[in-house]
Amino acid sequence: MNAFATQSLFGLGITVLIVFRFARRELRERTVRARSLWIRPAILIALTAYFVYLSATVDPLGNGEMIAVLAGGAVLGVVVGFAIVRYTQFAPAAVPNAVLVRGSHITFAIWIAALAVRLAARYLLPHGADPRAQLPLNCGTIIMTTVAFVVIALAFAQAIRRYAGSIAAPGTIVPGTITRQ
């Protein structure tokens, strides 16, 4: 395996781990604090910039494809982000500047389906298995994840503001009391 293929697989691996880790979190009730809300999107924005740069320098002839994949990934990211938010429940948290959040099996499935789109692209595109095509495809996957996390962070920030005046006492939230946004 050459260095190019290793870098490409590394980027895809990081994105898969990030998405799978956070998809699993969808099934648990958790407290999301305003102070840490933008850490993941910031890291993903930096990762996106790095992979766009890498793709543009390694295969400049693939820039047109990369731009198309970035646009498609960004659109898919908006759809994924809004779908995740639609099936996420919010409630006041026991701490200030936070919200209690719980996803569902639907939000978990949305994340897995979003990754399946990337894997399908490898096999459906005429040259998807070519190592040079992997880097632009990875750029699309990373930007999809980035945009989805930005949309989700915006929704979480809105929910934090919405519940700012109603802090729940610890232990008073019972299953089933979380409301949809």
N, C-alpha and C. Protein backbone atom coordinates (compact mmCIF):
# COMPACT_ATOMS: atom_id res chain seq x y z
N MET A 1 0.85 -1.17 0.00
CA MET A 1 0.00 0.00 0.00
C MET A 1 0.90 1.24 0.00
N ASN A 2 0.61 2.18 -0.90
CA ASN A 2 1.44 3.38 -0.98
C ASN A 2 0.98 4.43 0.03
N ALA A 3 1.77 5.51 0.16
CA ALA A 3 1.48 6.56 1.13
C ALA A 3 0.15 7.24 0.83
N PHE A 4 -0.16 7.40 -0.45
CA PHE A 4 -1.42 8.05 -0.84
C PHE A 4 -2.61 7.23 -0.35
N ALA A 5 -2.58 5.94 -0.59
CA ALA A 5 -3.68 5.08 -0.16
C ALA A 5 -3.78 5.05 1.36
N THR A 6 -2.65 5.07 2.05
CA THR A 6 -2.64 5.09 3.51
C THR A 6 -3.30 6.36 4.03
N GLN A 7 -2.94 7.52 3.47
CA GLN A 7 -3.55 8.78 3.90
C GLN A 7 -5.04 8.79 3.63
N SER A 8 -5.43 8.27 2.49
CA SER A 8 -6.84 8.23 2.13
C SER A 8 -7.63 7.35 3.10
N LEU A 9 -7.09 6.17 3.38
CA LEU A 9 -7.76 5.27 4.33
C LEU A 9 -7.76 5.84 5.73
N PHE A 10 -6.70 6.55 6.09
CA PHE A 10 -6.63 7.19 7.40
C PHE A 10 -7.76 8.21 7.57
N GLY A 11 -7.97 9.04 6.57
CA GLY A 11 -9.04 10.05 6.63
C GLY A 11 -10.40 9.41 6.72
N LEU A 12 -10.63 8.39 5.92
CA LEU A 12 -11.91 7.70 5.96
C LEU A 12 -12.09 7.02 7.32
N GLY A 13 -11.03 6.41 7.82
CA GLY A 13 -11.10 5.74 9.12
C GLY A 13 -11.45 6.70 10.24
N ILE A 14 -10.83 7.88 10.25
CA ILE A 14 -11.13 8.88 11.27
C ILE A 14 -12.60 9.27 11.19
N THR A 15 -13.08 9.54 10.00
CA THR A 15 -14.48 9.95 9.84
C THR A 15 -15.43 8.85 10.28
N VAL A 16 -15.14 7.62 9.90
CA VAL A 16 -15.99 6.49 10.31
C VAL A 16 -16.02 6.37 11.83
N LEU A 17 -14.86 6.49 12.47
CA LEU A 17 -14.81 6.41 13.93
C LEU A 17 -15.61 7.53 14.59
N ILE A 18 -15.46 8.75 14.06
CA ILE A 18 -16.19 9.89 14.62
C ILE A 18 -17.69 9.67 14.48
N VAL A 19 -18.13 9.31 13.29
CA VAL A 19 -19.56 9.12 13.06
C VAL A 19 -20.08 7.96 13.89
N PHE A 20 -19.37 6.84 13.92
CA PHE A 20 -19.85 5.69 14.69
C PHE A 20 -19.90 6.00 16.18
N ARG A 21 -18.89 6.69 16.68
CA ARG A 21 -18.88 7.05 18.10
C ARG A 21 -20.08 7.92 18.47
N PHE A 22 -20.33 8.93 17.65
CA PHE A 22 -21.43 9.82 17.96
C PHE A 22 -22.78 9.21 17.61
N ALA A 23 -22.80 8.29 16.67
CA ALA A 23 -24.05 7.58 16.38
C ALA A 23 -24.45 6.74 17.59
N ARG A 24 -23.47 6.09 18.21
CA ARG A 24 -23.77 5.30 19.42
C ARG A 24 -24.28 6.18 20.55
N ARG A 25 -23.75 7.39 20.64
CA ARG A 25 -24.20 8.31 21.68
C ARG A 25 -25.67 8.70 21.49
N GLU A 26 -26.16 8.57 20.28
CA GLU A 26 -27.55 8.93 20.01
C GLU A 26 -28.52 8.11 20.86
N LEU A 27 -28.11 6.95 21.28
CA LEU A 27 -29.01 6.05 22.00
C LEU A 27 -29.02 6.32 23.50
N ARG A 28 -28.17 7.24 23.97
CA ARG A 28 -28.12 7.55 25.40
C ARG A 28 -28.57 8.98 25.66
N GLU A 29 -29.18 9.17 26.83
CA GLU A 29 -29.51 10.51 27.28
C GLU A 29 -28.21 11.15 27.77
N ARG A 30 -27.97 12.40 27.37
CA ARG A 30 -26.73 13.06 27.76
C ARG A 30 -26.95 14.56 27.92
N THR A 31 -26.08 15.16 28.68
CA THR A 31 -26.11 16.60 28.87
C THR A 31 -25.12 17.24 27.91
N VAL A 32 -25.59 18.20 27.14
CA VAL A 32 -24.74 18.93 26.20
C VAL A 32 -24.60 20.35 26.72
N ARG A 33 -23.35 20.75 26.96
CA ARG A 33 -23.06 22.08 27.51
C ARG A 33 -22.71 23.04 26.38
N ALA A 34 -23.09 24.30 26.56
CA ALA A 34 -22.80 25.33 25.56
C ALA A 34 -21.30 25.51 25.36
N ARG A 35 -20.51 25.38 26.42
CA ARG A 35 -19.07 25.65 26.31
C ARG A 35 -18.34 24.64 25.42
N SER A 36 -18.88 23.45 25.26
CA SER A 36 -18.19 22.44 24.45
C SER A 36 -18.90 22.17 23.13
N LEU A 37 -19.90 22.94 22.84
CA LEU A 37 -20.75 22.70 21.67
C LEU A 37 -20.01 22.80 20.34
N TRP A 38 -19.05 23.69 20.24
CA TRP A 38 -18.42 23.97 18.95
C TRP A 38 -17.05 23.31 18.78
N ILE A 39 -16.65 22.46 19.73
CA ILE A 39 -15.35 21.79 19.62
C ILE A 39 -15.33 20.82 18.44
N ARG A 40 -16.32 19.94 18.35
CA ARG A 40 -16.36 18.96 17.26
C ARG A 40 -16.45 19.63 15.89
N PRO A 41 -17.36 20.59 15.71
CA PRO A 41 -17.39 21.24 14.39
C PRO A 41 -16.06 21.93 14.05
N ALA A 42 -15.40 22.53 15.02
CA ALA A 42 -14.12 23.20 14.74
C ALA A 42 -13.06 22.19 14.31
N ILE A 43 -12.99 21.06 14.99
CA ILE A 43 -12.03 20.01 14.62
C ILE A 43 -12.34 19.50 13.22
N LEU A 44 -13.61 19.29 12.93
CA LEU A 44 -13.99 18.77 11.62
C LEU A 44 -13.77 19.80 10.51
N ILE A 45 -13.92 21.07 10.80
CA ILE A 45 -13.62 22.11 9.80
C ILE A 45 -12.13 22.07 9.47
N ALA A 46 -11.28 21.94 10.48
CA ALA A 46 -9.83 21.86 10.25
C ALA A 46 -9.50 20.59 9.45
N LEU A 47 -10.12 19.48 9.79
CA LEU A 47 -9.89 18.22 9.07
C LEU A 47 -10.35 18.33 7.62
N THR A 48 -11.48 18.98 7.40
CA THR A 48 -11.98 19.20 6.04
C THR A 48 -10.98 20.03 5.24
N ALA A 49 -10.51 21.13 5.83
CA ALA A 49 -9.54 21.99 5.14
C ALA A 49 -8.28 21.21 4.79
N TYR A 50 -7.80 20.39 5.71
CA TYR A 50 -6.60 19.60 5.46
C TYR A 50 -6.82 18.63 4.29
N PHE A 51 -7.95 17.94 4.27
CA PHE A 51 -8.18 16.96 3.21
C PHE A 51 -8.46 17.61 1.86
N VAL A 52 -9.07 18.79 1.86
CA VAL A 52 -9.25 19.52 0.61
C VAL A 52 -7.88 19.92 0.07
N TYR A 53 -7.03 20.44 0.94
CA TYR A 53 -5.67 20.80 0.54
C TYR A 53 -4.92 19.57 0.03
N LEU A 54 -5.00 18.48 0.76
CA LEU A 54 -4.31 17.25 0.37
C LEU A 54 -4.79 16.76 -0.99
N SER A 55 -6.10 16.76 -1.18
CA SER A 55 -6.65 16.30 -2.45
C SER A 55 -6.22 17.20 -3.61
N ALA A 56 -6.23 18.50 -3.36
CA ALA A 56 -5.87 19.46 -4.41
C ALA A 56 -4.39 19.36 -4.77
N THR A 57 -3.54 19.03 -3.82
CA THR A 57 -2.11 18.94 -4.12
C THR A 57 -1.71 17.57 -4.67
N VAL A 58 -2.34 16.51 -4.18
CA VAL A 58 -1.99 15.17 -4.64
C VAL A 58 -2.52 14.92 -6.06
N ASP A 59 -3.73 15.36 -6.33
CA ASP A 59 -4.33 15.10 -7.65
C ASP A 59 -5.05 16.35 -8.15
N PRO A 60 -4.30 17.34 -8.63
CA PRO A 60 -4.92 18.57 -9.11
C PRO A 60 -5.91 18.35 -10.25
N LEU A 61 -5.74 17.29 -11.02
CA LEU A 61 -6.67 17.01 -12.11
C LEU A 61 -8.04 16.57 -11.58
N GLY A 62 -8.11 16.18 -10.34
CA GLY A 62 -9.37 15.76 -9.74
C GLY A 62 -10.10 16.87 -9.01
N ASN A 63 -9.65 18.12 -9.16
CA ASN A 63 -10.27 19.23 -8.43
C ASN A 63 -11.74 19.44 -8.81
N GLY A 64 -12.07 19.24 -10.07
CA GLY A 64 -13.48 19.38 -10.49
C GLY A 64 -14.35 18.36 -9.80
N GLU A 65 -13.88 17.13 -9.76
CA GLU A 65 -14.62 16.08 -9.06
C GLU A 65 -14.71 16.39 -7.57
N MET A 66 -13.60 16.87 -6.99
CA MET A 66 -13.60 17.18 -5.57
C MET A 66 -14.62 18.28 -5.26
N ILE A 67 -14.68 19.30 -6.09
CA ILE A 67 -15.64 20.39 -5.85
C ILE A 67 -17.07 19.87 -5.93
N ALA A 68 -17.34 19.01 -6.90
CA ALA A 68 -18.68 18.42 -7.01
C ALA A 68 -19.01 17.56 -5.80
N VAL A 69 -18.04 16.77 -5.36
CA VAL A 69 -18.26 15.91 -4.19
C VAL A 69 -18.42 16.75 -2.93
N LEU A 70 -17.66 17.84 -2.82
CA LEU A 70 -17.81 18.74 -1.66
C LEU A 70 -19.20 19.36 -1.63
N ALA A 71 -19.68 19.79 -2.79
CA ALA A 71 -21.03 20.38 -2.84
C ALA A 71 -22.09 19.34 -2.46
N GLY A 72 -21.97 18.15 -3.03
CA GLY A 72 -22.92 17.08 -2.70
C GLY A 72 -22.84 16.69 -1.23
N GLY A 73 -21.62 16.61 -0.71
CA GLY A 73 -21.44 16.27 0.70
C GLY A 73 -22.03 17.33 1.63
N ALA A 74 -21.86 18.60 1.25
CA ALA A 74 -22.41 19.67 2.07
C ALA A 74 -23.94 19.62 2.09
N VAL A 75 -24.54 19.39 0.93
CA VAL A 75 -26.00 19.28 0.85
C VAL A 75 -26.48 18.08 1.68
N LEU A 76 -25.80 16.95 1.52
CA LEU A 76 -26.16 15.77 2.31
C LEU A 76 -25.97 16.04 3.80
N GLY A 77 -24.95 16.81 4.16
CA GLY A 77 -24.72 17.18 5.56
C GLY A 77 -25.87 17.99 6.14
N VAL A 78 -26.40 18.91 5.35
CA VAL A 78 -27.56 19.70 5.81
C VAL A 78 -28.75 18.77 6.05
N VAL A 79 -28.99 17.88 5.10
CA VAL A 79 -30.11 16.93 5.23
C VAL A 79 -29.92 16.04 6.46
N VAL A 80 -28.71 15.50 6.63
CA VAL A 80 -28.43 14.64 7.78
C VAL A 80 -28.59 15.42 9.08
N GLY A 81 -28.04 16.62 9.12
CA GLY A 81 -28.13 17.44 10.34
C GLY A 81 -29.57 17.72 10.73
N PHE A 82 -30.38 18.15 9.76
CA PHE A 82 -31.79 18.44 10.07
C PHE A 82 -32.55 17.18 10.44
N ALA A 83 -32.24 16.06 9.80
CA ALA A 83 -32.91 14.80 10.14
C ALA A 83 -32.55 14.36 11.56
N ILE A 84 -31.29 14.50 11.93
CA ILE A 84 -30.86 14.16 13.29
C ILE A 84 -31.61 15.03 14.30
N VAL A 85 -31.65 16.32 14.05
CA VAL A 85 -32.32 17.25 14.96
C VAL A 85 -33.82 16.92 15.05
N ARG A 86 -34.42 16.57 13.93
CA ARG A 86 -35.85 16.26 13.90
C ARG A 86 -36.21 15.10 14.83
N TYR A 87 -35.33 14.13 14.93
CA TYR A 87 -35.61 12.95 15.75
C TYR A 87 -34.83 12.94 17.07
N THR A 88 -34.37 14.12 17.49
CA THR A 88 -33.69 14.26 18.77
C THR A 88 -34.64 14.95 19.74
N GLN A 89 -34.61 14.50 20.99
CA GLN A 89 -35.46 15.08 22.03
C GLN A 89 -34.61 15.94 22.96
N PHE A 90 -35.19 17.04 23.44
CA PHE A 90 -34.50 17.99 24.30
C PHE A 90 -35.30 18.21 25.59
N ALA A 91 -34.60 18.51 26.67
CA ALA A 91 -35.23 18.85 27.95
C ALA A 91 -34.26 19.73 28.74
N PRO A 92 -34.78 20.42 29.74
CA PRO A 92 -33.87 21.22 30.59
C PRO A 92 -32.85 20.31 31.27
N ALA A 93 -31.66 20.81 31.45
CA ALA A 93 -30.60 20.05 32.12
C ALA A 93 -30.51 20.49 33.58
N ALA A 94 -29.82 19.70 34.37
CA ALA A 94 -29.65 20.00 35.79
C ALA A 94 -28.55 21.03 36.02
N VAL A 95 -27.87 21.45 34.97
CA VAL A 95 -26.80 22.44 35.07
C VAL A 95 -27.13 23.61 34.16
N PRO A 96 -26.64 24.80 34.51
CA PRO A 96 -26.92 25.96 33.63
C PRO A 96 -26.15 25.87 32.32
N ASN A 97 -26.65 26.56 31.32
CA ASN A 97 -26.03 26.61 29.99
C ASN A 97 -25.86 25.23 29.37
N ALA A 98 -26.87 24.41 29.52
CA ALA A 98 -26.82 23.05 28.99
C ALA A 98 -28.23 22.60 28.66
N VAL A 99 -28.30 21.51 27.95
CA VAL A 99 -29.59 20.91 27.61
C VAL A 99 -29.43 19.39 27.70
N LEU A 100 -30.49 18.74 28.10
CA LEU A 100 -30.52 17.28 28.12
C LEU A 100 -30.98 16.81 26.75
N VAL A 101 -30.24 15.89 26.14
CA VAL A 101 -30.47 15.47 24.76
C VAL A 101 -30.55 13.96 24.70
N ARG A 102 -31.47 13.47 23.87
CA ARG A 102 -31.53 12.03 23.61
C ARG A 102 -31.94 11.82 22.16
N GLY A 103 -31.14 11.03 21.46
CA GLY A 103 -31.47 10.66 20.10
C GLY A 103 -32.37 9.43 20.14
N SER A 104 -32.36 8.70 19.07
CA SER A 104 -33.21 7.52 18.99
C SER A 104 -32.57 6.52 18.03
N HIS A 105 -33.24 5.41 17.85
CA HIS A 105 -32.76 4.44 16.86
C HIS A 105 -32.82 5.05 15.46
N ILE A 106 -33.73 5.98 15.26
CA ILE A 106 -33.83 6.65 13.96
C ILE A 106 -32.60 7.51 13.71
N THR A 107 -32.16 8.28 14.71
CA THR A 107 -30.97 9.11 14.52
C THR A 107 -29.73 8.24 14.32
N PHE A 108 -29.67 7.12 15.02
CA PHE A 108 -28.57 6.17 14.83
C PHE A 108 -28.57 5.67 13.38
N ALA A 109 -29.74 5.30 12.89
CA ALA A 109 -29.86 4.80 11.52
C ALA A 109 -29.51 5.88 10.50
N ILE A 110 -29.82 7.12 10.78
CA ILE A 110 -29.48 8.22 9.87
C ILE A 110 -27.97 8.32 9.72
N TRP A 111 -27.23 8.25 10.82
CA TRP A 111 -25.78 8.31 10.75
C TRP A 111 -25.21 7.14 9.95
N ILE A 112 -25.73 5.96 10.19
CA ILE A 112 -25.23 4.77 9.48
C ILE A 112 -25.55 4.89 7.98
N ALA A 113 -26.75 5.37 7.65
CA ALA A 113 -27.12 5.55 6.24
C ALA A 113 -26.22 6.58 5.56
N ALA A 114 -25.87 7.64 6.28
CA ALA A 114 -24.98 8.66 5.71
C ALA A 114 -23.62 8.06 5.37
N LEU A 115 -23.12 7.19 6.23
CA LEU A 115 -21.86 6.51 5.92
C LEU A 115 -22.02 5.54 4.77
N ALA A 116 -23.15 4.90 4.68
CA ALA A 116 -23.40 3.94 3.60
C ALA A 116 -23.36 4.64 2.24
N VAL A 117 -23.77 5.90 2.19
CA VAL A 117 -23.70 6.67 0.94
C VAL A 117 -22.26 6.75 0.47
N ARG A 118 -21.34 7.01 1.40
CA ARG A 118 -19.91 7.10 1.03
C ARG A 118 -19.39 5.76 0.52
N LEU A 119 -19.74 4.71 1.21
CA LEU A 119 -19.27 3.40 0.79
C LEU A 119 -19.88 3.01 -0.56
N ALA A 120 -21.13 3.38 -0.79
CA ALA A 120 -21.77 3.09 -2.07
C ALA A 120 -21.08 3.83 -3.20
N ALA A 121 -20.63 5.06 -2.93
CA ALA A 121 -19.96 5.85 -3.97
C ALA A 121 -18.72 5.14 -4.49
N ARG A 122 -18.04 4.43 -3.61
CA ARG A 122 -16.84 3.70 -4.04
C ARG A 122 -17.17 2.67 -5.11
N TYR A 123 -18.32 2.05 -5.00
CA TYR A 123 -18.68 0.98 -5.91
C TYR A 123 -19.57 1.43 -7.06
N LEU A 124 -20.30 2.52 -6.89
CA LEU A 124 -21.21 2.98 -7.94
C LEU A 124 -20.55 3.90 -8.96
N LEU A 125 -19.57 4.68 -8.52
CA LEU A 125 -18.87 5.54 -9.46
C LEU A 125 -17.99 4.68 -10.36
N PRO A 126 -17.92 5.03 -11.64
CA PRO A 126 -17.14 4.21 -12.57
C PRO A 126 -15.67 4.05 -12.17
N HIS A 127 -15.11 5.04 -11.52
CA HIS A 127 -13.70 4.98 -11.11
C HIS A 127 -13.56 5.08 -9.60
N GLY A 128 -14.60 4.73 -8.86
CA GLY A 128 -14.62 4.88 -7.41
C GLY A 128 -13.58 4.07 -6.67
N ALA A 129 -13.16 2.96 -7.22
CA ALA A 129 -12.16 2.12 -6.55
C ALA A 129 -10.74 2.60 -6.83
N ASP A 130 -10.56 3.50 -7.79
CA ASP A 130 -9.24 4.05 -8.10
C ASP A 130 -8.73 4.82 -6.88
N PRO A 131 -7.51 4.58 -6.43
CA PRO A 131 -6.99 5.28 -5.24
C PRO A 131 -7.05 6.80 -5.37
N ARG A 132 -6.92 7.34 -6.59
CA ARG A 132 -7.00 8.79 -6.75
C ARG A 132 -8.41 9.31 -6.50
N ALA A 133 -9.42 8.48 -6.68
CA ALA A 133 -10.80 8.90 -6.44
C ALA A 133 -11.15 8.89 -4.96
N GLN A 134 -10.39 8.16 -4.16
CA GLN A 134 -10.71 8.02 -2.75
C GLN A 134 -10.58 9.33 -1.98
N LEU A 135 -9.55 10.10 -2.27
CA LEU A 135 -9.35 11.35 -1.53
C LEU A 135 -10.47 12.34 -1.76
N PRO A 136 -10.90 12.61 -2.99
CA PRO A 136 -12.06 13.50 -3.16
C PRO A 136 -13.33 12.94 -2.49
N LEU A 137 -13.52 11.63 -2.58
CA LEU A 137 -14.69 11.03 -1.92
C LEU A 137 -14.61 11.20 -0.41
N ASN A 138 -13.40 11.06 0.14
CA ASN A 138 -13.23 11.28 1.57
C ASN A 138 -13.51 12.74 1.94
N CYS A 139 -13.12 13.67 1.06
CA CYS A 139 -13.43 15.09 1.29
C CYS A 139 -14.95 15.27 1.40
N GLY A 140 -15.68 14.60 0.53
CA GLY A 140 -17.14 14.69 0.58
C GLY A 140 -17.72 14.12 1.87
N THR A 141 -17.14 13.02 2.33
CA THR A 141 -17.61 12.40 3.58
C THR A 141 -17.32 13.31 4.76
N ILE A 142 -16.12 13.86 4.78
CA ILE A 142 -15.73 14.72 5.90
C ILE A 142 -16.57 15.99 5.92
N ILE A 143 -16.81 16.59 4.75
CA ILE A 143 -17.63 17.82 4.75
C ILE A 143 -19.07 17.50 5.10
N MET A 144 -19.57 16.34 4.70
CA MET A 144 -20.92 15.93 5.09
C MET A 144 -21.01 15.86 6.61
N THR A 145 -20.03 15.24 7.23
CA THR A 145 -20.01 15.12 8.68
C THR A 145 -19.87 16.49 9.34
N THR A 146 -19.01 17.33 8.79
CA THR A 146 -18.79 18.67 9.32
C THR A 146 -20.07 19.50 9.28
N VAL A 147 -20.70 19.54 8.12
CA VAL A 147 -21.93 20.33 7.97
C VAL A 147 -23.03 19.78 8.88
N ALA A 148 -23.15 18.47 8.97
CA ALA A 148 -24.16 17.87 9.85
C ALA A 148 -23.91 18.30 11.29
N PHE A 149 -22.66 18.27 11.75
CA PHE A 149 -22.36 18.67 13.12
C PHE A 149 -22.58 20.16 13.34
N VAL A 150 -22.37 20.99 12.34
CA VAL A 150 -22.66 22.43 12.47
C VAL A 150 -24.16 22.64 12.62
N VAL A 151 -24.97 21.97 11.78
CA VAL A 151 -26.43 22.08 11.88
C VAL A 151 -26.90 21.60 13.26
N ILE A 152 -26.35 20.49 13.71
CA ILE A 152 -26.73 19.94 15.02
C ILE A 152 -26.32 20.90 16.14
N ALA A 153 -25.11 21.46 16.06
CA ALA A 153 -24.66 22.40 17.08
C ALA A 153 -25.56 23.63 17.13
N LEU A 154 -25.97 24.12 15.97
CA LEU A 154 -26.89 25.28 15.94
C LEU A 154 -28.22 24.93 16.62
N ALA A 155 -28.73 23.74 16.37
CA ALA A 155 -29.99 23.32 16.99
C ALA A 155 -29.82 23.14 18.50
N PHE A 156 -28.70 22.57 18.92
CA PHE A 156 -28.44 22.40 20.35
C PHE A 156 -28.32 23.76 21.03
N ALA A 157 -27.65 24.71 20.38
CA ALA A 157 -27.52 26.06 20.94
C ALA A 157 -28.89 26.71 21.09
N GLN A 158 -29.76 26.51 20.11
CA GLN A 158 -31.12 27.03 20.20
C GLN A 158 -31.87 26.37 21.35
N ALA A 159 -31.72 25.08 21.53
CA ALA A 159 -32.39 24.38 22.64
C ALA A 159 -31.85 24.85 23.99
N ILE A 160 -30.56 25.09 24.06
CA ILE A 160 -29.96 25.60 25.31
C ILE A 160 -30.57 26.96 25.65
N ARG A 161 -30.69 27.83 24.66
CA ARG A 161 -31.33 29.14 24.90
C ARG A 161 -32.79 28.97 25.30
N ARG A 162 -33.47 28.04 24.65
CA ARG A 162 -34.89 27.81 24.93
C ARG A 162 -35.13 27.35 26.36
N TYR A 163 -34.25 26.51 26.87
CA TYR A 163 -34.41 25.97 28.22
C TYR A 163 -33.58 26.71 29.26
N ALA A 164 -33.00 27.85 28.90
CA ALA A 164 -32.10 28.58 29.80
C ALA A 164 -32.77 28.93 31.14
N GLY A 165 -34.02 29.26 31.15
CA GLY A 165 -34.69 29.66 32.38
C GLY A 165 -35.29 28.51 33.15
N SER A 166 -35.21 27.31 32.64
CA SER A 166 -35.86 26.18 33.31
C SER A 166 -34.86 25.07 33.60
N ILE A 167 -34.05 25.29 34.62
CA ILE A 167 -33.04 24.30 35.01
C ILE A 167 -33.71 23.27 35.90
N ALA A 168 -33.58 22.04 35.53
CA ALA A 168 -34.18 20.94 36.30
C ALA A 168 -33.28 20.58 37.47
N ALA A 169 -33.91 20.19 38.55
CA ALA A 169 -33.15 19.71 39.70
C ALA A 169 -32.57 18.34 39.36
N PRO A 170 -31.39 18.03 39.87
CA PRO A 170 -30.79 16.72 39.57
C PRO A 170 -31.74 15.59 39.96
N GLY A 171 -31.85 14.63 39.07
CA GLY A 171 -32.68 13.46 39.35
C GLY A 171 -34.16 13.65 39.10
N THR A 172 -34.59 14.83 38.62
CA THR A 172 -36.02 15.05 38.41
C THR A 172 -36.47 14.70 37.00
N ILE A 173 -35.55 14.51 36.10
CA ILE A 173 -35.92 14.13 34.74
C ILE A 173 -36.16 12.63 34.74
N VAL A 174 -37.33 12.25 34.33
CA VAL A 174 -37.63 10.82 34.25
C VAL A 174 -37.77 10.44 32.79
N PRO A 175 -37.51 9.18 32.46
CA PRO A 175 -37.64 8.77 31.06
C PRO A 175 -39.03 9.12 30.52
N GLY A 176 -39.04 9.60 29.30
CA GLY A 176 -40.32 9.94 28.68
C GLY A 176 -40.71 11.39 28.85
N THR A 177 -39.94 12.18 29.63
CA THR A 177 -40.32 13.56 29.83
C THR A 177 -39.61 14.52 28.87
N ILE A 178 -38.72 14.01 28.08
CA ILE A 178 -38.02 14.87 27.13
C ILE A 178 -38.98 15.17 25.98
N THR A 179 -39.01 16.43 25.56
CA THR A 179 -39.92 16.84 24.50
C THR A 179 -39.17 17.07 23.21
N ARG A 180 -39.89 16.94 22.14
CA ARG A 180 -39.30 17.22 20.82
C ARG A 180 -39.19 18.71 20.65
N GLN A 181 -38.16 19.10 19.91
CA GLN A 181 -37.99 20.52 19.62
C GLN A 181 -38.91 20.88 18.48
